[in-house]
Amino acid sequence: MLLYFLLPFFSTLFGCTKNENDGLGSAPQSLSVNVTQSTTNSASLSLTASAANASTYEFDFGNGDTLYAQTGSIQYQYSVSGSYTINVTAINSSGKISQNFPVTVTVEKKLLWSDEFNYTGTPDPSKWTYDIGTGDGGWGNNELEYYTNRSQNASVENGVLKINAIRESYNGSTFTSARLKTQGLFDFKYGHIDVRAKVPGGAGTWSAAWMLGSNITSVGWPACGEVDIMEYIGKEPNKAWGTFHYPGHSGSTADGATLMIQNAETDFHIYSADWTPSALSIYVDNKLIHSLNNTSSLPFNSNFFIILNLAMGGNLGGAVDANLTKATYEVDYVRVYSN
């Protein structure tokens, strides 16, 4: 997310300074940092740091991103609105000196596509289609559900999409559920996606909001790439998963992390992914779960489509509570923005 541009700026200079020296007598000294924030886009920053004896500068932007610059000058653009603490450190082999300060940014994006679910009935067929079949035989995760396109398993009411997993004998499976996707209807390359959702609890439930490369039909998985914006496993309450799958890092060796949140099963939360040519980051309520540096060798530089599903059991979901007869995954909206 390293950007170069010429924009009008206003400047601020503030913070607190800490000096560390290993005793060699030549640690950086007198650090000053000039921060300029765009008057037309508060998420765009230009920083200039200077210190005596510094050989390089570290810029920690408080959101999981850290960049380095030998000159002390750097430009950066936040992808998620919020308040952050930036820490700038001047470094050499003898020590370092640091300064930190707060910044508040608002990210303005252009809406590319959305479903607000402000209607009643079945999911909008101009936006969503379905995967049909068993979670075990069709996708290899040893899941227990049969995915259908029935209204019992996917419906919209009171402004919310409801995906229902129901314990019933159906085509050889012990549960039914739904797996909605935008494949063939909408896909995109680079941008920001928000999914506001409330997930079900209970051992064996496995809710997900994720994306697959649209070229999956020609190159297969994991060569197509996969971005798991949110996975929630009912046997591990309040733990949000964010994961990337790609060649060399897929399945049990996927590149991911988790973050503990509050009231995942009773409140709606916003699960997000920000995707640029240089990085991919996954958030919940603007808090970073995991990020990945994007390169031309990774499969995250072509179009992806969106999937929403509720699985039961399987490799990640685990054993299903014997008393669980129905689970409901609720989605308030899905919004995709350009960067």
C-alpha atoms as a PDB file:
ATOM      1  CA  MET A   1       0.000   0.000   0.000  1.00  0.00           C
ATOM      2  CA  LEU A   2       2.820   2.376  -0.878  1.00  0.00           C
ATOM      3  CA  LEU A   3       1.464   5.259  -2.902  1.00  0.00           C
ATOM      4  CA  TYR A   4       3.040   8.204  -4.728  1.00  0.00           C
ATOM      5  CA  PHE A   5       0.981  11.304  -5.415  1.00  0.00           C
ATOM      6  CA  LEU A   6       0.942  15.105  -5.333  1.00  0.00           C
ATOM      7  CA  LEU A   7      -1.894  16.527  -3.272  1.00  0.00           C
ATOM      8  CA  PRO A   8      -2.433  19.604  -1.086  1.00  0.00           C
ATOM      9  CA  PHE A   9      -1.520  18.847   2.519  1.00  0.00           C
ATOM     10  CA  PHE A  10      -1.663  20.318   5.973  1.00  0.00           C
ATOM     11  CA  SER A  11       1.061  19.511   8.468  1.00  0.00           C
ATOM     12  CA  THR A  12       1.241  18.359  12.068  1.00  0.00           C
ATOM     13  CA  LEU A  13       4.239  17.727  14.257  1.00  0.00           C
ATOM     14  CA  PHE A  14       3.734  16.151  17.645  1.00  0.00           C
ATOM     15  CA  GLY A  15       4.293  13.040  19.733  1.00  0.00           C
ATOM     16  CA  CYS A  16       6.483  11.623  22.442  1.00  0.00           C
ATOM     17  CA  THR A  17      10.070  10.483  22.051  1.00  0.00           C
ATOM     18  CA  LYS A  18      11.995   7.552  23.510  1.00  0.00           C
ATOM     19  CA  ASN A  19      15.758   7.033  23.063  1.00  0.00           C
ATOM     20  CA  GLU A  20      17.569   3.694  23.390  1.00  0.00           C
ATOM     21  CA  ASN A  21      21.339   3.315  23.223  1.00  0.00           C
ATOM     22  CA  ASP A  22      23.399   0.167  23.523  1.00  0.00           C
ATOM     23  CA  GLY A  23      26.301   2.119  24.998  1.00  0.00           C
ATOM     24  CA  LEU A  24      28.351   2.705  21.848  1.00  0.00           C
ATOM     25  CA  GLY A  25      27.643   6.434  22.016  1.00  0.00           C
ATOM     26  CA  SER A  26      26.274   6.922  18.511  1.00  0.00           C
ATOM     27  CA  ALA A  27      22.592   6.116  18.763  1.00  0.00           C
ATOM     28  CA  PRO A  28      20.211   8.315  16.714  1.00  0.00           C
ATOM     29  CA  GLN A  29      19.305  11.582  18.425  1.00  0.00           C
ATOM     30  CA  SER A  30      16.888  14.501  18.032  1.00  0.00           C
ATOM     31  CA  LEU A  31      14.174  12.694  16.106  1.00  0.00           C
ATOM     32  CA  SER A  32      11.585  14.929  14.473  1.00  0.00           C
ATOM     33  CA  VAL A  33       8.626  13.761  12.424  1.00  0.00           C
ATOM     34  CA  ASN A  34       6.515  15.881  10.097  1.00  0.00           C
ATOM     35  CA  VAL A  35       3.129  14.357   9.273  1.00  0.00           C
ATOM     36  CA  THR A  36       1.002  15.787   6.491  1.00  0.00           C
ATOM     37  CA  GLN A  37      -2.540  14.573   5.973  1.00  0.00           C
ATOM     38  CA  SER A  38      -4.312  15.248   2.692  1.00  0.00           C
ATOM     39  CA  THR A  39      -6.990  17.932   2.813  1.00  0.00           C
ATOM     40  CA  THR A  40      -9.007  16.019   0.210  1.00  0.00           C
ATOM     41  CA  ASN A  41      -8.444  12.468   1.506  1.00  0.00           C
ATOM     42  CA  SER A  42      -7.658  12.127   5.211  1.00  0.00           C
ATOM     43  CA  ALA A  43      -6.538   8.515   4.712  1.00  0.00           C
ATOM     44  CA  SER A  44      -3.542   9.679   2.641  1.00  0.00           C
ATOM     45  CA  LEU A  45      -0.462  10.619   4.646  1.00  0.00           C
ATOM     46  CA  SER A  46       3.027  11.875   3.885  1.00  0.00           C
ATOM     47  CA  LEU A  47       5.611  11.430   6.635  1.00  0.00           C
ATOM     48  CA  THR A  48       9.118  12.872   6.846  1.00  0.00           C
ATOM     49  CA  ALA A  49      11.388  11.813   9.701  1.00  0.00           C
ATOM     50  CA  SER A  50      14.859  13.071  10.479  1.00  0.00           C
ATOM     51  CA  ALA A  51      17.341  12.239  13.234  1.00  0.00           C
ATOM     52  CA  ALA A  52      21.063  12.613  13.754  1.00  0.00           C
ATOM     53  CA  ASN A  53      23.025   9.393  13.114  1.00  0.00           C
ATOM     54  CA  ALA A  54      20.000   7.460  11.748  1.00  0.00           C
ATOM     55  CA  SER A  55      20.669   4.810   9.089  1.00  0.00           C
ATOM     56  CA  THR A  56      17.033   3.816   8.490  1.00  0.00           C
ATOM     57  CA  TYR A  57      13.530   4.620   9.699  1.00  0.00           C
ATOM     58  CA  GLU A  58      10.714   2.263  10.682  1.00  0.00           C
ATOM     59  CA  PHE A  59       7.090   3.382  10.274  1.00  0.00           C
ATOM     60  CA  ASP A  60       4.527   1.316  12.201  1.00  0.00           C
ATOM     61  CA  PHE A  61       1.039   2.497  11.182  1.00  0.00           C
ATOM     62  CA  GLY A  62      -0.837   0.845  14.052  1.00  0.00           C
ATOM     63  CA  ASN A  63      -2.858  -1.477  11.826  1.00  0.00           C
ATOM     64  CA  GLY A  64      -0.365  -4.272  11.253  1.00  0.00           C
ATOM     65  CA  ASP A  65       1.493  -2.511   8.427  1.00  0.00           C
ATOM     66  CA  THR A  66       5.175  -1.616   8.934  1.00  0.00           C
ATOM     67  CA  LEU A  67       7.306   0.053   6.265  1.00  0.00           C
ATOM     68  CA  TYR A  68      10.949   1.160   6.157  1.00  0.00           C
ATOM     69  CA  ALA A  69      12.692   4.073   4.440  1.00  0.00           C
ATOM     70  CA  GLN A  70      16.361   5.008   4.533  1.00  0.00           C
ATOM     71  CA  THR A  71      15.608   8.577   3.518  1.00  0.00           C
ATOM     72  CA  GLY A  72      13.027   9.079   6.269  1.00  0.00           C
ATOM     73  CA  SER A  73      10.330  10.065   3.771  1.00  0.00           C
ATOM     74  CA  ILE A  74       7.374   7.837   3.040  1.00  0.00           C
ATOM     75  CA  GLN A  75       3.801   8.041   1.776  1.00  0.00           C
ATOM     76  CA  TYR A  76       0.982   5.809   2.963  1.00  0.00           C
ATOM     77  CA  GLN A  77      -2.762   5.382   2.536  1.00  0.00           C
ATOM     78  CA  TYR A  78      -5.003   3.671   5.078  1.00  0.00           C
ATOM     79  CA  SER A  79      -7.598   1.283   3.675  1.00  0.00           C
ATOM     80  CA  VAL A  80      -9.904   1.175   6.722  1.00  0.00           C
ATOM     81  CA  SER A  81     -11.375   4.167   8.548  1.00  0.00           C
ATOM     82  CA  GLY A  82     -10.461   4.536  12.198  1.00  0.00           C
ATOM     83  CA  SER A  83      -8.132   5.977  14.826  1.00  0.00           C
ATOM     84  CA  TYR A  84      -4.564   4.679  14.847  1.00  0.00           C
ATOM     85  CA  THR A  85      -1.307   5.293  16.690  1.00  0.00           C
ATOM     86  CA  ILE A  86       1.652   5.700  14.347  1.00  0.00           C
ATOM     87  CA  ASN A  87       5.107   4.910  15.752  1.00  0.00           C
ATOM     88  CA  VAL A  88       8.210   6.180  13.932  1.00  0.00           C
ATOM     89  CA  THR A  89      11.635   4.830  14.912  1.00  0.00           C
ATOM     90  CA  ALA A  90      15.053   6.045  13.785  1.00  0.00           C
ATOM     91  CA  ILE A  91      17.552   3.176  13.878  1.00  0.00           C
ATOM     92  CA  ASN A  92      21.253   2.471  13.554  1.00  0.00           C
ATOM     93  CA  SER A  93      23.536  -0.306  14.798  1.00  0.00           C
ATOM     94  CA  SER A  94      24.037   1.436  18.126  1.00  0.00           C
ATOM     95  CA  GLY A  95      20.450   2.098  19.106  1.00  0.00           C
ATOM     96  CA  LYS A  96      17.191   3.749  18.218  1.00  0.00           C
ATOM     97  CA  ILE A  97      14.876   6.609  19.088  1.00  0.00           C
ATOM     98  CA  SER A  98      11.115   6.625  18.592  1.00  0.00           C
ATOM     99  CA  GLN A  99       8.150   8.952  18.469  1.00  0.00           C
ATOM    100  CA  ASN A 100       4.430   8.101  18.372  1.00  0.00           C
ATOM    101  CA  PHE A 101       1.271  10.047  17.743  1.00  0.00           C
ATOM    102  CA  PRO A 102      -2.430   9.441  16.987  1.00  0.00           C
ATOM    103  CA  VAL A 103      -4.150   9.911  13.658  1.00  0.00           C
ATOM    104  CA  THR A 104      -7.812   9.584  12.658  1.00  0.00           C
ATOM    105  CA  VAL A 105      -8.684   8.782   9.058  1.00  0.00           C
ATOM    106  CA  THR A 106     -11.818   8.370   6.986  1.00  0.00           C
ATOM    107  CA  VAL A 107     -11.618   6.136   3.935  1.00  0.00           C
ATOM    108  CA  GLU A 108     -14.013   7.023   1.146  1.00  0.00           C
ATOM    109  CA  LYS A 109     -14.671   4.348  -1.430  1.00  0.00           C
ATOM    110  CA  LYS A 110     -16.901   3.919  -4.463  1.00  0.00           C
ATOM    111  CA  LEU A 111     -19.579   1.252  -4.084  1.00  0.00           C
ATOM    112  CA  LEU A 112     -19.256  -1.334  -6.869  1.00  0.00           C
ATOM    113  CA  TRP A 113     -21.865  -3.904  -5.823  1.00  0.00           C
ATOM    114  CA  SER A 114     -24.035  -4.714  -2.850  1.00  0.00           C
ATOM    115  CA  ASP A 115     -26.977  -6.655  -1.561  1.00  0.00           C
ATOM    116  CA  GLU A 116     -28.711  -4.920   1.335  1.00  0.00           C
ATOM    117  CA  PHE A 117     -31.350  -7.705   1.576  1.00  0.00           C
ATOM    118  CA  ASN A 118     -34.086  -5.093   1.795  1.00  0.00           C
ATOM    119  CA  TYR A 119     -36.711  -7.372   0.307  1.00  0.00           C
ATOM    120  CA  THR A 120     -38.668 -10.487   1.246  1.00  0.00           C
ATOM    121  CA  GLY A 121     -38.467 -13.944  -0.320  1.00  0.00           C
ATOM    122  CA  THR A 122     -35.620 -15.866  -1.879  1.00  0.00           C
ATOM    123  CA  PRO A 123     -32.171 -14.325  -2.462  1.00  0.00           C
ATOM    124  CA  ASP A 124     -32.044 -12.035  -5.518  1.00  0.00           C
ATOM    125  CA  PRO A 125     -31.367 -14.333  -8.518  1.00  0.00           C
ATOM    126  CA  SER A 126     -29.629 -11.503 -10.381  1.00  0.00           C
ATOM    127  CA  LYS A 127     -26.998 -11.467  -7.621  1.00  0.00           C
ATOM    128  CA  TRP A 128     -26.862 -14.976  -6.177  1.00  0.00           C
ATOM    129  CA  THR A 129     -26.793 -18.523  -7.430  1.00  0.00           C
ATOM    130  CA  TYR A 130     -26.202 -21.772  -5.513  1.00  0.00           C
ATOM    131  CA  ASP A 131     -23.864 -24.683  -5.152  1.00  0.00           C
ATOM    132  CA  ILE A 132     -25.963 -27.841  -4.924  1.00  0.00           C
ATOM    133  CA  GLY A 133     -24.817 -31.117  -3.422  1.00  0.00           C
ATOM    134  CA  THR A 134     -23.095 -32.725  -0.472  1.00  0.00           C
ATOM    135  CA  GLY A 135     -20.438 -30.899   1.470  1.00  0.00           C
ATOM    136  CA  ASP A 136     -18.513 -34.169   1.676  1.00  0.00           C
ATOM    137  CA  GLY A 137     -18.594 -35.473  -1.880  1.00  0.00           C
ATOM    138  CA  GLY A 138     -18.600 -32.128  -3.605  1.00  0.00           C
ATOM    139  CA  TRP A 139     -15.868 -30.223  -1.766  1.00  0.00           C
ATOM    140  CA  GLY A 140     -13.844 -32.741   0.213  1.00  0.00           C
ATOM    141  CA  ASN A 141     -14.264 -31.266   3.706  1.00  0.00           C
ATOM    142  CA  ASN A 142     -16.186 -34.252   5.143  1.00  0.00           C
ATOM    143  CA  GLU A 143     -19.158 -32.013   5.926  1.00  0.00           C
ATOM    144  CA  LEU A 144     -22.557 -33.433   6.857  1.00  0.00           C
ATOM    145  CA  GLU A 145     -24.921 -31.110   4.988  1.00  0.00           C
ATOM    146  CA  TYR A 146     -26.542 -31.260   1.567  1.00  0.00           C
ATOM    147  CA  TYR A 147     -26.627 -27.799   0.002  1.00  0.00           C
ATOM    148  CA  THR A 148     -29.966 -26.909  -1.589  1.00  0.00           C
ATOM    149  CA  ASN A 149     -31.656 -23.917  -3.221  1.00  0.00           C
ATOM    150  CA  ARG A 150     -34.809 -24.364  -1.132  1.00  0.00           C
ATOM    151  CA  SER A 151     -36.370 -21.434   0.699  1.00  0.00           C
ATOM    152  CA  GLN A 152     -36.184 -23.475   3.905  1.00  0.00           C
ATOM    153  CA  ASN A 153     -32.404 -23.176   3.704  1.00  0.00           C
ATOM    154  CA  ALA A 154     -32.005 -19.643   2.310  1.00  0.00           C
ATOM    155  CA  SER A 155     -34.497 -16.796   2.566  1.00  0.00           C
ATOM    156  CA  VAL A 156     -34.632 -13.041   3.064  1.00  0.00           C
ATOM    157  CA  GLU A 157     -36.863 -11.429   5.662  1.00  0.00           C
ATOM    158  CA  ASN A 158     -36.812  -8.305   7.819  1.00  0.00           C
ATOM    159  CA  GLY A 159     -33.800  -6.977   5.919  1.00  0.00           C
ATOM    160  CA  VAL A 160     -31.630 -10.019   6.605  1.00  0.00           C
ATOM    161  CA  LEU A 161     -30.478 -13.042   4.622  1.00  0.00           C
ATOM    162  CA  LYS A 162     -30.964 -16.199   6.692  1.00  0.00           C
ATOM    163  CA  ILE A 163     -29.057 -19.370   5.852  1.00  0.00           C
ATOM    164  CA  ASN A 164     -30.551 -22.244   7.821  1.00  0.00           C
ATOM    165  CA  ALA A 165     -28.856 -25.548   8.525  1.00  0.00           C
ATOM    166  CA  ILE A 166     -31.559 -28.079   9.399  1.00  0.00           C
ATOM    167  CA  ARG A 167     -31.122 -31.559  10.837  1.00  0.00           C
ATOM    168  CA  GLU A 168     -33.038 -33.806   8.429  1.00  0.00           C
ATOM    169  CA  SER A 169     -32.408 -36.810   6.233  1.00  0.00           C
ATOM    170  CA  TYR A 170     -31.975 -35.499   2.698  1.00  0.00           C
ATOM    171  CA  ASN A 171     -30.354 -37.263  -0.260  1.00  0.00           C
ATOM    172  CA  GLY A 172     -28.180 -39.308   2.052  1.00  0.00           C
ATOM    173  CA  SER A 173     -27.069 -36.389   4.240  1.00  0.00           C
ATOM    174  CA  THR A 174     -28.059 -35.705   7.845  1.00  0.00           C
ATOM    175  CA  PHE A 175     -28.354 -31.916   7.428  1.00  0.00           C
ATOM    176  CA  THR A 176     -29.449 -29.478   4.754  1.00  0.00           C
ATOM    177  CA  SER A 177     -28.094 -25.958   4.311  1.00  0.00           C
ATOM    178  CA  ALA A 178     -27.281 -23.402   1.596  1.00  0.00           C
ATOM    179  CA  ARG A 179     -24.163 -22.158  -0.157  1.00  0.00           C
ATOM    180  CA  LEU A 180     -24.798 -18.922  -2.077  1.00  0.00           C
ATOM    181  CA  LYS A 181     -22.308 -17.495  -4.562  1.00  0.00           C
ATOM    182  CA  THR A 182     -21.973 -14.671  -7.093  1.00  0.00           C
ATOM    183  CA  GLN A 183     -20.072 -16.845  -9.592  1.00  0.00           C
ATOM    184  CA  GLY A 184     -21.064 -15.927 -13.150  1.00  0.00           C
ATOM    185  CA  LEU A 185     -23.029 -12.900 -11.900  1.00  0.00           C
ATOM    186  CA  PHE A 186     -20.454 -10.661 -10.209  1.00  0.00           C
ATOM    187  CA  ASP A 187     -16.721 -10.743  -9.615  1.00  0.00           C
ATOM    188  CA  PHE A 188     -14.036  -8.128  -9.079  1.00  0.00           C
ATOM    189  CA  LYS A 189     -10.301  -7.542  -8.817  1.00  0.00           C
ATOM    190  CA  TYR A 190      -8.918  -5.399  -5.961  1.00  0.00           C
ATOM    191  CA  GLY A 191     -11.142  -3.443  -3.629  1.00  0.00           C
ATOM    192  CA  HIS A 192     -12.763  -3.669  -0.222  1.00  0.00           C
ATOM    193  CA  ILE A 193     -15.580  -5.979   0.893  1.00  0.00           C
ATOM    194  CA  ASP A 194     -17.719  -5.734   4.035  1.00  0.00           C
ATOM    195  CA  VAL A 195     -20.001  -8.512   5.257  1.00  0.00           C
ATOM    196  CA  ARG A 196     -22.140  -7.575   8.258  1.00  0.00           C
ATOM    197  CA  ALA A 197     -23.208 -10.826   9.858  1.00  0.00           C
ATOM    198  CA  LYS A 198     -24.301 -12.653  12.979  1.00  0.00           C
ATOM    199  CA  VAL A 199     -23.147 -16.240  13.286  1.00  0.00           C
ATOM    200  CA  PRO A 200     -24.717 -19.243  15.039  1.00  0.00           C
ATOM    201  CA  GLY A 201     -23.138 -21.037  17.962  1.00  0.00           C
ATOM    202  CA  GLY A 202     -23.206 -24.704  18.786  1.00  0.00           C
ATOM    203  CA  ALA A 203     -20.613 -27.409  18.313  1.00  0.00           C
ATOM    204  CA  GLY A 204     -20.401 -28.459  14.676  1.00  0.00           C
ATOM    205  CA  THR A 205     -21.531 -25.213  13.033  1.00  0.00           C
ATOM    206  CA  TRP A 206     -19.141 -23.673  10.495  1.00  0.00           C
ATOM    207  CA  SER A 207     -20.171 -20.279   9.075  1.00  0.00           C
ATOM    208  CA  ALA A 208     -18.179 -18.623   6.313  1.00  0.00           C
ATOM    209  CA  ALA A 209     -17.954 -15.537   4.092  1.00  0.00           C
ATOM    210  CA  TRP A 210     -15.232 -16.003   1.515  1.00  0.00           C
ATOM    211  CA  MET A 211     -14.014 -15.579  -2.074  1.00  0.00           C
ATOM    212  CA  LEU A 212     -12.597 -17.825  -4.789  1.00  0.00           C
ATOM    213  CA  GLY A 213     -10.727 -16.946  -7.942  1.00  0.00           C
ATOM    214  CA  SER A 214     -13.091 -16.904 -10.903  1.00  0.00           C
ATOM    215  CA  ASN A 215     -10.612 -19.005 -12.863  1.00  0.00           C
ATOM    216  CA  ILE A 216     -11.195 -21.996 -10.575  1.00  0.00           C
ATOM    217  CA  THR A 217     -12.930 -23.856 -13.403  1.00  0.00           C
ATOM    218  CA  SER A 218      -9.768 -23.709 -15.525  1.00  0.00           C
ATOM    219  CA  VAL A 219      -6.896 -23.835 -13.018  1.00  0.00           C
ATOM    220  CA  GLY A 220      -8.493 -25.595 -10.031  1.00  0.00           C
ATOM    221  CA  TRP A 221      -7.945 -25.071  -6.338  1.00  0.00           C
ATOM    222  CA  PRO A 222      -5.718 -23.809  -4.692  1.00  0.00           C
ATOM    223  CA  ALA A 223      -4.168 -22.343  -7.866  1.00  0.00           C
ATOM    224  CA  CYS A 224      -7.194 -20.034  -8.160  1.00  0.00           C
ATOM    225  CA  GLY A 225      -6.623 -18.620  -4.669  1.00  0.00           C
ATOM    226  CA  GLU A 226      -9.058 -18.339  -1.766  1.00  0.00           C
ATOM    227  CA  VAL A 227      -9.720 -15.500   0.692  1.00  0.00           C
ATOM    228  CA  ASP A 228     -11.626 -16.492   3.838  1.00  0.00           C
ATOM    229  CA  ILE A 229     -12.976 -13.167   5.052  1.00  0.00           C
ATOM    230  CA  MET A 230     -14.644 -14.898   7.972  1.00  0.00           C
ATOM    231  CA  GLU A 231     -14.888 -18.424   9.266  1.00  0.00           C
ATOM    232  CA  TYR A 232     -16.570 -19.091  12.583  1.00  0.00           C
ATOM    233  CA  ILE A 233     -16.486 -22.468  14.295  1.00  0.00           C
ATOM    234  CA  GLY A 234     -19.249 -22.935  16.835  1.00  0.00           C
ATOM    235  CA  LYS A 235     -17.156 -25.132  19.117  1.00  0.00           C
ATOM    236  CA  GLU A 236     -14.745 -22.184  19.643  1.00  0.00           C
ATOM    237  CA  PRO A 237     -16.995 -19.285  20.739  1.00  0.00           C
ATOM    238  CA  ASN A 238     -16.055 -15.715  19.792  1.00  0.00           C
ATOM    239  CA  LYS A 239     -13.027 -16.679  17.699  1.00  0.00           C
ATOM    240  CA  ALA A 240     -12.998 -15.115  14.206  1.00  0.00           C
ATOM    241  CA  TRP A 241     -10.787 -16.738  11.564  1.00  0.00           C
ATOM    242  CA  GLY A 242      -9.190 -14.945   8.587  1.00  0.00           C
ATOM    243  CA  THR A 243      -7.255 -17.078   6.106  1.00  0.00           C
ATOM    244  CA  PHE A 244      -5.593 -17.124   2.679  1.00  0.00           C
ATOM    245  CA  HIS A 245      -5.221 -20.302   0.599  1.00  0.00           C
ATOM    246  CA  TYR A 246      -2.807 -20.480  -2.334  1.00  0.00           C
ATOM    247  CA  PRO A 247      -0.249 -22.949  -3.739  1.00  0.00           C
ATOM    248  CA  GLY A 248       2.086 -24.029  -0.957  1.00  0.00           C
ATOM    249  CA  HIS A 249      -0.294 -22.681   1.709  1.00  0.00           C
ATOM    250  CA  SER A 250      -3.685 -24.383   1.518  1.00  0.00           C
ATOM    251  CA  GLY A 251      -5.884 -26.650   3.569  1.00  0.00           C
ATOM    252  CA  SER A 252      -4.158 -27.476   6.872  1.00  0.00           C
ATOM    253  CA  THR A 253      -1.102 -25.372   5.877  1.00  0.00           C
ATOM    254  CA  ALA A 254      -3.111 -22.262   4.946  1.00  0.00           C
ATOM    255  CA  ASP A 255      -1.851 -18.766   5.774  1.00  0.00           C
ATOM    256  CA  GLY A 256      -4.176 -17.422   8.460  1.00  0.00           C
ATOM    257  CA  ALA A 257      -4.800 -16.169  11.990  1.00  0.00           C
ATOM    258  CA  THR A 258      -7.611 -15.706  14.519  1.00  0.00           C
ATOM    259  CA  LEU A 259      -8.917 -12.879  16.676  1.00  0.00           C
ATOM    260  CA  MET A 260     -11.130 -13.078  19.751  1.00  0.00           C
ATOM    261  CA  ILE A 261     -14.206 -10.818  19.609  1.00  0.00           C
ATOM    262  CA  GLN A 262     -17.222 -10.198  21.832  1.00  0.00           C
ATOM    263  CA  ASN A 263     -20.805 -11.458  21.354  1.00  0.00           C
ATOM    264  CA  ALA A 264     -20.240 -13.006  17.929  1.00  0.00           C
ATOM    265  CA  GLU A 265     -23.393 -15.105  18.227  1.00  0.00           C
ATOM    266  CA  THR A 266     -25.736 -12.417  19.548  1.00  0.00           C
ATOM    267  CA  ASP A 267     -24.561  -9.234  17.771  1.00  0.00           C
ATOM    268  CA  PHE A 268     -23.819  -8.326  14.172  1.00  0.00           C
ATOM    269  CA  HIS A 269     -20.159  -7.678  13.327  1.00  0.00           C
ATOM    270  CA  ILE A 270     -18.513  -6.354  10.155  1.00  0.00           C
ATOM    271  CA  TYR A 271     -16.096  -8.819   8.589  1.00  0.00           C
ATOM    272  CA  SER A 272     -13.918  -7.186   5.927  1.00  0.00           C
ATOM    273  CA  ALA A 273     -11.153  -7.767   3.430  1.00  0.00           C
ATOM    274  CA  ASP A 274      -9.065  -5.094   1.802  1.00  0.00           C
ATOM    275  CA  TRP A 275      -7.268  -6.122  -1.380  1.00  0.00           C
ATOM    276  CA  THR A 276      -4.687  -4.177  -3.378  1.00  0.00           C
ATOM    277  CA  PRO A 277      -1.898  -5.149  -5.797  1.00  0.00           C
ATOM    278  CA  SER A 278       0.536  -4.961  -2.872  1.00  0.00           C
ATOM    279  CA  ALA A 279      -1.370  -6.444   0.084  1.00  0.00           C
ATOM    280  CA  LEU A 280      -4.434  -8.296   1.348  1.00  0.00           C
ATOM    281  CA  SER A 281      -5.767  -7.711   4.859  1.00  0.00           C
ATOM    282  CA  ILE A 282      -8.678  -9.248   6.770  1.00  0.00           C
ATOM    283  CA  TYR A 283     -10.487  -7.386   9.569  1.00  0.00           C
ATOM    284  CA  VAL A 284     -13.371  -7.703  11.972  1.00  0.00           C
ATOM    285  CA  ASP A 285     -14.890  -4.398  13.123  1.00  0.00           C
ATOM    286  CA  ASN A 286     -11.806  -2.608  11.718  1.00  0.00           C
ATOM    287  CA  LYS A 287      -9.442  -4.754  13.822  1.00  0.00           C
ATOM    288  CA  LEU A 288      -6.793  -6.592  11.827  1.00  0.00           C
ATOM    289  CA  ILE A 289      -6.947 -10.402  11.896  1.00  0.00           C
ATOM    290  CA  HIS A 290      -4.303 -11.210   9.295  1.00  0.00           C
ATOM    291  CA  SER A 291      -2.503  -9.724   6.295  1.00  0.00           C
ATOM    292  CA  LEU A 292      -0.468 -10.978   3.347  1.00  0.00           C
ATOM    293  CA  ASN A 293       1.955  -9.199   1.033  1.00  0.00           C
ATOM    294  CA  ASN A 294       0.626  -9.602  -2.505  1.00  0.00           C
ATOM    295  CA  THR A 295       3.050 -10.325  -5.353  1.00  0.00           C
ATOM    296  CA  SER A 296       2.762 -11.182  -9.030  1.00  0.00           C
ATOM    297  CA  SER A 297       3.533 -14.828  -8.187  1.00  0.00           C
ATOM    298  CA  LEU A 298       0.395 -15.188  -6.043  1.00  0.00           C
ATOM    299  CA  PRO A 299      -3.089 -15.872  -7.450  1.00  0.00           C
ATOM    300  CA  PHE A 300      -4.563 -12.685  -5.956  1.00  0.00           C
ATOM    301  CA  ASN A 301      -4.303 -10.552  -9.078  1.00  0.00           C
ATOM    302  CA  SER A 302      -7.352 -11.698 -11.030  1.00  0.00           C
ATOM    303  CA  ASN A 303     -11.103 -11.592 -10.475  1.00  0.00           C
ATOM    304  CA  PHE A 304     -12.750 -13.282  -7.483  1.00  0.00           C
ATOM    305  CA  PHE A 305     -16.392 -14.092  -6.672  1.00  0.00           C
ATOM    306  CA  ILE A 306     -18.163 -14.163  -3.278  1.00  0.00           C
ATOM    307  CA  ILE A 307     -19.527 -17.145  -1.307  1.00  0.00           C
ATOM    308  CA  LEU A 308     -21.732 -17.289   1.813  1.00  0.00           C
ATOM    309  CA  ASN A 309     -22.432 -20.661   3.404  1.00  0.00           C
ATOM    310  CA  LEU A 310     -23.170 -22.527   6.604  1.00  0.00           C
ATOM    311  CA  ALA A 311     -21.576 -25.969   6.843  1.00  0.00           C
ATOM    312  CA  MET A 312     -22.131 -28.618   9.496  1.00  0.00           C
ATOM    313  CA  GLY A 313     -19.346 -30.766  10.916  1.00  0.00           C
ATOM    314  CA  GLY A 314     -16.461 -31.463   8.610  1.00  0.00           C
ATOM    315  CA  ASN A 315     -12.718 -31.138   9.009  1.00  0.00           C
ATOM    316  CA  LEU A 316     -12.947 -27.765  10.734  1.00  0.00           C
ATOM    317  CA  GLY A 317     -16.453 -27.787  12.186  1.00  0.00           C
ATOM    318  CA  GLY A 318     -15.919 -31.013  14.118  1.00  0.00           C
ATOM    319  CA  ALA A 319     -18.520 -33.161  15.836  1.00  0.00           C
ATOM    320  CA  VAL A 320     -22.050 -31.763  15.862  1.00  0.00           C
ATOM    321  CA  ASP A 321     -23.916 -31.340  19.133  1.00  0.00           C
ATOM    322  CA  ALA A 322     -26.443 -34.186  19.238  1.00  0.00           C
ATOM    323  CA  ASN A 323     -29.129 -31.773  20.482  1.00  0.00           C
ATOM    324  CA  LEU A 324     -28.645 -29.252  17.657  1.00  0.00           C
ATOM    325  CA  THR A 325     -31.559 -29.398  15.232  1.00  0.00           C
ATOM    326  CA  LYS A 326     -31.241 -26.019  13.483  1.00  0.00           C
ATOM    327  CA  ALA A 327     -28.670 -23.242  13.153  1.00  0.00           C
ATOM    328  CA  THR A 328     -29.113 -19.866  11.420  1.00  0.00           C
ATOM    329  CA  TYR A 329     -26.434 -17.651   9.902  1.00  0.00           C
ATOM    330  CA  GLU A 330     -27.708 -14.084   9.348  1.00  0.00           C
ATOM    331  CA  VAL A 331     -26.247 -11.542   6.907  1.00  0.00           C
ATOM    332  CA  ASP A 332     -27.391  -7.920   7.042  1.00  0.00           C
ATOM    333  CA  TYR A 333     -25.493  -6.802   3.924  1.00  0.00           C
ATOM    334  CA  VAL A 334     -22.619  -7.495   1.586  1.00  0.00           C
ATOM    335  CA  ARG A 335     -20.882  -4.435   0.054  1.00  0.00           C
ATOM    336  CA  VAL A 336     -17.972  -4.269  -2.369  1.00  0.00           C
ATOM    337  CA  TYR A 337     -16.059  -1.015  -2.902  1.00  0.00           C
ATOM    338  CA  SER A 338     -13.292   0.034  -5.246  1.00  0.00           C
ATOM    339  CA  ASN A 339     -10.032   1.157  -3.644  1.00  0.00           C
END
